[in-house]
């Protein structure tokens, strides 16, 4: 009888402490993390809370983990970045958009496009190309934000304005404008500005993998200095079917195979 009473008290004590730990951790998480964390990292938050709730005796060596834990979130698969941080930046961009003048400047890394020089485009032309791209593919992320930002342009602002990094897939618009011969490019090596029509375009197959081959496009100034490189095309091909072992070795099919073939 004493053993049953002791076991009952132990279960009650364990459950009581677990309940207090659960309430404390959920309260701490609700105060520490904002709407973006709960939207993109909710599963990780709840999993780590419940782990501490059920295994609270093992965390007594580090009681801080039961009172005010520091949860570490793994970056999401969205563009290799933390989805919560991207959501905060997107909200900040919409609430307080940076200025957009008559000329926009594109530099650095945009998506899979590496820009070593500087490309300048009329904002009005970029707006038209963004609308055209959106009509072609309305599911492509970032286009609506680009259209909205370019629509806020102030043509009286003569200084060039950089394209915000938060605008996903803006490099697709850049590629279309370059193919149409719109814009200019500044080469940092020559320190000169060239018309896009003067740029030399080259394509190169950088190698084949198991099931695809990647073709890259390289844009260079007339002096053969690199200005831009991006993935231009990806070719997928079907693997050749392996021949049956009997055909590879040139052996006759077995009696069981003949019987199954009729």
Protein backbone atom coordinates (compact mmCIF):
# COMPACT_ATOMS: atom_id res chain seq x y z
CA UNK A 1 0.00 0.00 0.00
CA UNK A 2 2.85 2.38 0.83
CA UNK A 3 4.43 1.68 -2.58
CA UNK A 4 1.19 2.62 -4.36
CA UNK A 5 0.89 5.79 -2.30
CA UNK A 6 4.51 6.70 -3.03
CA UNK A 7 4.03 6.05 -6.75
CA UNK A 8 0.88 8.15 -6.75
CA UNK A 9 2.65 11.03 -5.04
CA UNK A 10 5.54 10.76 -7.52
CA UNK A 11 3.20 10.88 -10.52
CA UNK A 12 1.31 13.81 -9.01
CA UNK A 13 4.52 15.70 -8.32
CA UNK A 14 5.88 14.98 -11.81
CA UNK A 15 2.61 16.09 -13.45
CA UNK A 16 2.37 19.23 -11.31
CA UNK A 17 5.90 20.34 -12.11
CA UNK A 18 5.38 19.48 -15.80
CA UNK A 19 2.25 21.64 -15.87
CA UNK A 20 4.08 24.57 -14.29
CA UNK A 21 6.99 24.18 -16.72
CA UNK A 22 4.57 24.09 -19.66
CA UNK A 23 2.78 27.25 -18.56
CA UNK A 24 6.07 29.06 -17.89
CA UNK A 25 7.64 28.10 -21.24
CA UNK A 26 4.55 28.99 -23.27
CA UNK A 27 4.38 32.34 -21.49
CA UNK A 28 8.07 33.00 -22.13
CA UNK A 29 7.73 31.98 -25.79
CA UNK A 30 4.70 34.21 -26.29
CA UNK A 31 6.64 37.19 -24.90
CA UNK A 32 9.87 36.46 -26.73
CA UNK A 33 8.72 35.60 -30.26
CA UNK A 34 6.63 37.69 -32.61
CA UNK A 35 4.02 36.79 -35.23
CA UNK A 36 6.69 35.88 -37.79
CA UNK A 37 8.36 33.35 -35.49
CA UNK A 38 5.03 31.73 -34.67
CA UNK A 39 4.05 31.60 -38.32
CA UNK A 40 7.26 30.03 -39.64
CA UNK A 41 8.82 28.38 -36.56
CA UNK A 42 5.74 27.29 -34.60
CA UNK A 43 6.49 23.58 -34.92
CA UNK A 44 10.06 24.04 -33.67
CA UNK A 45 8.89 26.18 -30.75
CA UNK A 46 6.23 23.71 -29.64
CA UNK A 47 8.50 20.69 -30.11
CA UNK A 48 11.18 22.19 -27.89
CA UNK A 49 8.63 23.27 -25.30
CA UNK A 50 7.11 19.79 -25.08
CA UNK A 51 10.55 18.18 -24.92
CA UNK A 52 11.33 20.21 -21.80
CA UNK A 53 7.89 19.58 -20.34
CA UNK A 54 8.13 15.79 -20.51
CA UNK A 55 11.83 15.56 -19.68
CA UNK A 56 12.01 18.35 -17.12
CA UNK A 57 13.93 16.28 -14.53
CA UNK A 58 16.87 16.01 -16.96
CA UNK A 59 16.95 19.79 -17.40
CA UNK A 60 17.42 20.45 -13.69
CA UNK A 61 21.16 20.60 -14.33
CA UNK A 62 20.44 23.65 -16.52
CA UNK A 63 17.37 25.26 -14.92
CA UNK A 64 17.52 28.23 -17.26
CA UNK A 65 16.25 25.94 -20.02
CA UNK A 66 13.06 25.49 -17.98
CA UNK A 67 12.56 29.18 -17.22
CA UNK A 68 13.78 31.27 -20.15
CA UNK A 69 15.24 29.04 -22.85
CA UNK A 70 16.96 30.36 -25.97
CA UNK A 71 15.48 28.43 -28.87
CA UNK A 72 17.65 28.22 -31.97
CA UNK A 73 15.79 28.02 -35.25
CA UNK A 74 17.14 26.35 -38.33
CA UNK A 75 17.01 28.43 -41.50
CA UNK A 76 14.07 27.43 -43.66
CA UNK A 77 14.17 26.19 -47.22
CA UNK A 78 12.79 29.46 -48.58
CA UNK A 79 15.78 30.78 -50.59
CA UNK A 80 18.08 29.28 -47.94
CA UNK A 81 17.03 31.87 -45.38
CA UNK A 82 14.90 32.07 -42.27
CA UNK A 83 11.31 32.55 -43.38
CA UNK A 84 10.47 34.60 -40.28
CA UNK A 85 13.26 37.08 -40.94
CA UNK A 86 12.21 37.40 -44.58
CA UNK A 87 8.63 38.06 -43.48
CA UNK A 88 9.79 40.84 -41.14
CA UNK A 89 11.86 42.45 -43.89
CA UNK A 90 8.95 42.19 -46.32
CA UNK A 91 6.61 43.82 -43.83
CA UNK A 92 9.12 46.59 -43.13
CA UNK A 93 9.54 47.13 -46.86
CA UNK A 94 5.78 47.49 -47.35
CA UNK A 95 5.38 49.80 -44.34
CA UNK A 96 8.34 52.02 -45.22
CA UNK A 97 9.38 51.51 -48.86
CA UNK A 98 12.73 52.96 -49.94
CA UNK A 99 12.63 55.71 -52.56
CA UNK A 100 12.47 54.87 -56.25
CA UNK A 101 13.73 57.48 -58.70
CA UNK A 102 13.67 57.71 -62.46
CA UNK A 103 16.72 55.41 -62.73
CA UNK A 104 17.27 52.19 -60.82
CA UNK A 105 20.61 50.55 -60.12
CA UNK A 106 21.18 46.79 -59.91
CA UNK A 107 24.38 45.44 -58.37
CA UNK A 108 25.60 42.50 -56.34
CA UNK A 109 23.85 39.16 -56.01
CA UNK A 110 20.17 38.86 -56.96
CA UNK A 111 18.87 35.31 -56.79
CA UNK A 112 21.18 33.17 -58.92
CA UNK A 113 22.48 36.23 -60.81
CA UNK A 114 25.94 37.49 -59.89
CA UNK A 115 26.41 41.09 -61.02
CA UNK A 116 30.01 42.26 -60.89
CA UNK A 117 29.35 45.58 -62.61
CA UNK A 118 26.41 47.95 -62.28
CA UNK A 119 23.35 47.97 -64.49
CA UNK A 120 21.19 51.07 -64.87
CA UNK A 121 17.62 50.97 -66.16
CA UNK A 122 14.79 53.50 -66.53
CA UNK A 123 12.31 52.82 -63.73
CA UNK A 124 9.40 53.31 -66.12
CA UNK A 125 10.74 50.60 -68.44
CA UNK A 126 11.36 48.26 -65.50
CA UNK A 127 7.75 48.81 -64.42
CA UNK A 128 6.48 47.79 -67.85
CA UNK A 129 8.68 44.69 -67.96
CA UNK A 130 7.61 43.74 -64.43
CA UNK A 131 3.95 43.94 -65.47
CA UNK A 132 4.68 41.82 -68.55
CA UNK A 133 6.51 39.19 -66.50
CA UNK A 134 3.66 39.10 -63.96
CA UNK A 135 1.12 38.51 -66.74
CA UNK A 136 3.25 35.60 -67.96
CA UNK A 137 3.71 33.98 -64.54
CA UNK A 138 1.51 35.33 -61.73
CA UNK A 139 2.80 32.72 -59.28
CA UNK A 140 6.41 33.94 -59.42
CA UNK A 141 7.26 35.40 -55.96
CA UNK A 142 8.34 39.01 -55.68
CA UNK A 143 6.79 40.40 -58.85
CA UNK A 144 3.86 42.12 -57.15
CA UNK A 145 6.25 43.82 -54.74
CA UNK A 146 8.42 44.99 -57.65
CA UNK A 147 5.41 46.34 -59.52
CA UNK A 148 4.21 48.15 -56.41
CA UNK A 149 7.63 49.67 -55.64
CA UNK A 150 8.28 50.78 -59.23
CA UNK A 151 4.79 52.28 -59.34
CA UNK A 152 5.76 54.55 -56.42
CA UNK A 153 8.64 56.08 -58.39
CA UNK A 154 9.34 59.78 -58.34
CA UNK A 155 10.57 60.81 -61.77
CA UNK A 156 11.78 64.11 -60.32
CA UNK A 157 14.36 62.19 -58.25
CA UNK A 158 17.37 62.32 -60.54
CA UNK A 159 19.73 60.20 -58.43
CA UNK A 160 19.90 56.51 -59.17
CA UNK A 161 18.19 54.33 -56.58
CA UNK A 162 19.27 50.76 -55.77
CA UNK A 163 16.82 47.89 -56.13
CA UNK A 164 15.92 46.51 -52.66
CA UNK A 165 17.31 43.03 -52.01
CA UNK A 166 13.96 41.91 -50.60
CA UNK A 167 12.45 41.93 -54.11
CA UNK A 168 12.73 38.31 -55.15
CA UNK A 169 13.17 37.35 -58.81
CA UNK A 170 13.95 40.92 -59.86
CA UNK A 171 16.82 39.41 -61.82
CA UNK A 172 14.22 37.88 -64.17
CA UNK A 173 13.10 41.42 -65.04
CA UNK A 174 16.73 42.46 -65.53
CA UNK A 175 17.34 39.59 -67.95
CA UNK A 176 14.29 40.53 -70.03
CA UNK A 177 15.38 44.19 -70.24
CA UNK A 178 18.90 43.23 -71.28
CA UNK A 179 17.57 40.86 -73.95
CA UNK A 180 15.41 43.74 -75.24
CA UNK A 181 18.41 46.09 -75.37
CA UNK A 182 17.17 48.39 -72.59
CA UNK A 183 19.52 50.05 -70.12
CA UNK A 184 23.20 50.67 -69.53
CA UNK A 185 26.06 48.87 -67.81
CA UNK A 186 29.00 50.33 -65.91
CA UNK A 187 32.19 48.30 -65.96
CA UNK A 188 34.26 48.70 -62.77
CA UNK A 189 37.45 47.71 -64.62
CA UNK A 190 37.09 50.20 -67.48
CA UNK A 191 35.23 52.71 -65.34
CA UNK A 192 33.04 53.37 -68.37
CA UNK A 193 29.33 53.14 -69.06
CA UNK A 194 28.23 51.08 -72.04
CA UNK A 195 24.86 50.68 -73.67
CA UNK A 196 23.37 47.25 -73.13
CA UNK A 197 23.49 46.72 -76.91
CA UNK A 198 27.32 46.93 -76.72
CA UNK A 199 27.59 44.10 -74.19
CA UNK A 200 29.00 40.79 -75.39
CA UNK A 201 26.99 37.71 -74.46
CA UNK A 202 28.47 34.21 -74.16
CA UNK A 203 27.02 30.89 -73.05
CA UNK A 204 28.91 27.98 -71.56
CA UNK A 205 27.99 24.52 -70.35
CA UNK A 206 29.53 24.25 -66.91
CA UNK A 207 29.19 20.49 -66.75
CA UNK A 208 26.64 17.73 -66.53
CA UNK A 209 25.29 16.01 -63.47
CA UNK A 210 23.49 12.69 -63.20
CA UNK A 211 20.26 13.88 -64.82
CA UNK A 212 20.76 17.46 -66.03
CA UNK A 213 23.15 19.87 -67.70
CA UNK A 214 23.46 23.55 -66.73
CA UNK A 215 24.09 26.30 -69.27
CA UNK A 216 25.33 29.64 -67.91
CA UNK A 217 25.26 33.01 -69.65
CA UNK A 218 28.14 35.45 -69.22
CA UNK A 219 27.84 39.14 -70.08
CA UNK A 220 31.03 41.08 -70.72
CA UNK A 221 31.94 44.60 -71.70
CA UNK A 222 33.65 45.27 -75.07
CA UNK A 223 37.00 45.00 -73.27
CA UNK A 224 36.12 41.43 -72.17
CA UNK A 225 35.56 42.26 -68.49
CA UNK A 226 32.93 40.25 -66.61
CA UNK A 227 29.73 42.14 -65.83
CA UNK A 228 27.14 39.48 -65.08
CA UNK A 229 26.69 35.73 -64.95
CA UNK A 230 23.55 33.70 -64.36
CA UNK A 231 22.01 30.31 -64.97
CA UNK A 232 20.51 30.60 -68.43
CA UNK A 233 19.18 27.13 -69.04
CA UNK A 234 18.98 23.72 -67.38
CA UNK A 235 18.59 20.71 -69.63
CA UNK A 236 17.12 17.54 -68.18
CA UNK A 237 17.56 14.22 -69.85
CA UNK A 238 16.34 10.72 -69.22
CA UNK A 239 18.78 8.14 -67.99
CA UNK A 240 19.31 5.25 -70.38
CA UNK A 241 17.60 2.14 -69.21
CA UNK A 242 19.95 -0.57 -68.03
CA UNK A 243 19.93 -3.69 -70.15
CA UNK A 244 18.95 -6.97 -68.48
CA UNK A 245 21.79 -8.89 -66.94
CA UNK A 246 21.29 -11.75 -69.40
CA UNK A 247 21.70 -9.38 -72.37
CA UNK A 248 24.76 -7.62 -70.90
CA UNK A 249 26.62 -10.86 -70.34
CA UNK A 250 25.34 -12.47 -73.52
CA UNK A 251 24.01 -15.46 -71.63
CA UNK A 252 20.90 -17.40 -72.44
CA UNK A 253 17.78 -16.75 -70.36
CA UNK A 254 17.16 -19.22 -67.57
CA UNK A 255 14.53 -21.95 -67.69
CA UNK A 256 12.36 -19.97 -65.22
CA UNK A 257 12.48 -16.92 -67.52
CA UNK A 258 11.47 -19.03 -70.51
CA UNK A 259 8.60 -20.52 -68.52
CA UNK A 260 7.35 -17.04 -67.47
CA UNK A 261 7.56 -15.79 -71.05
CA UNK A 262 5.41 -18.68 -72.19
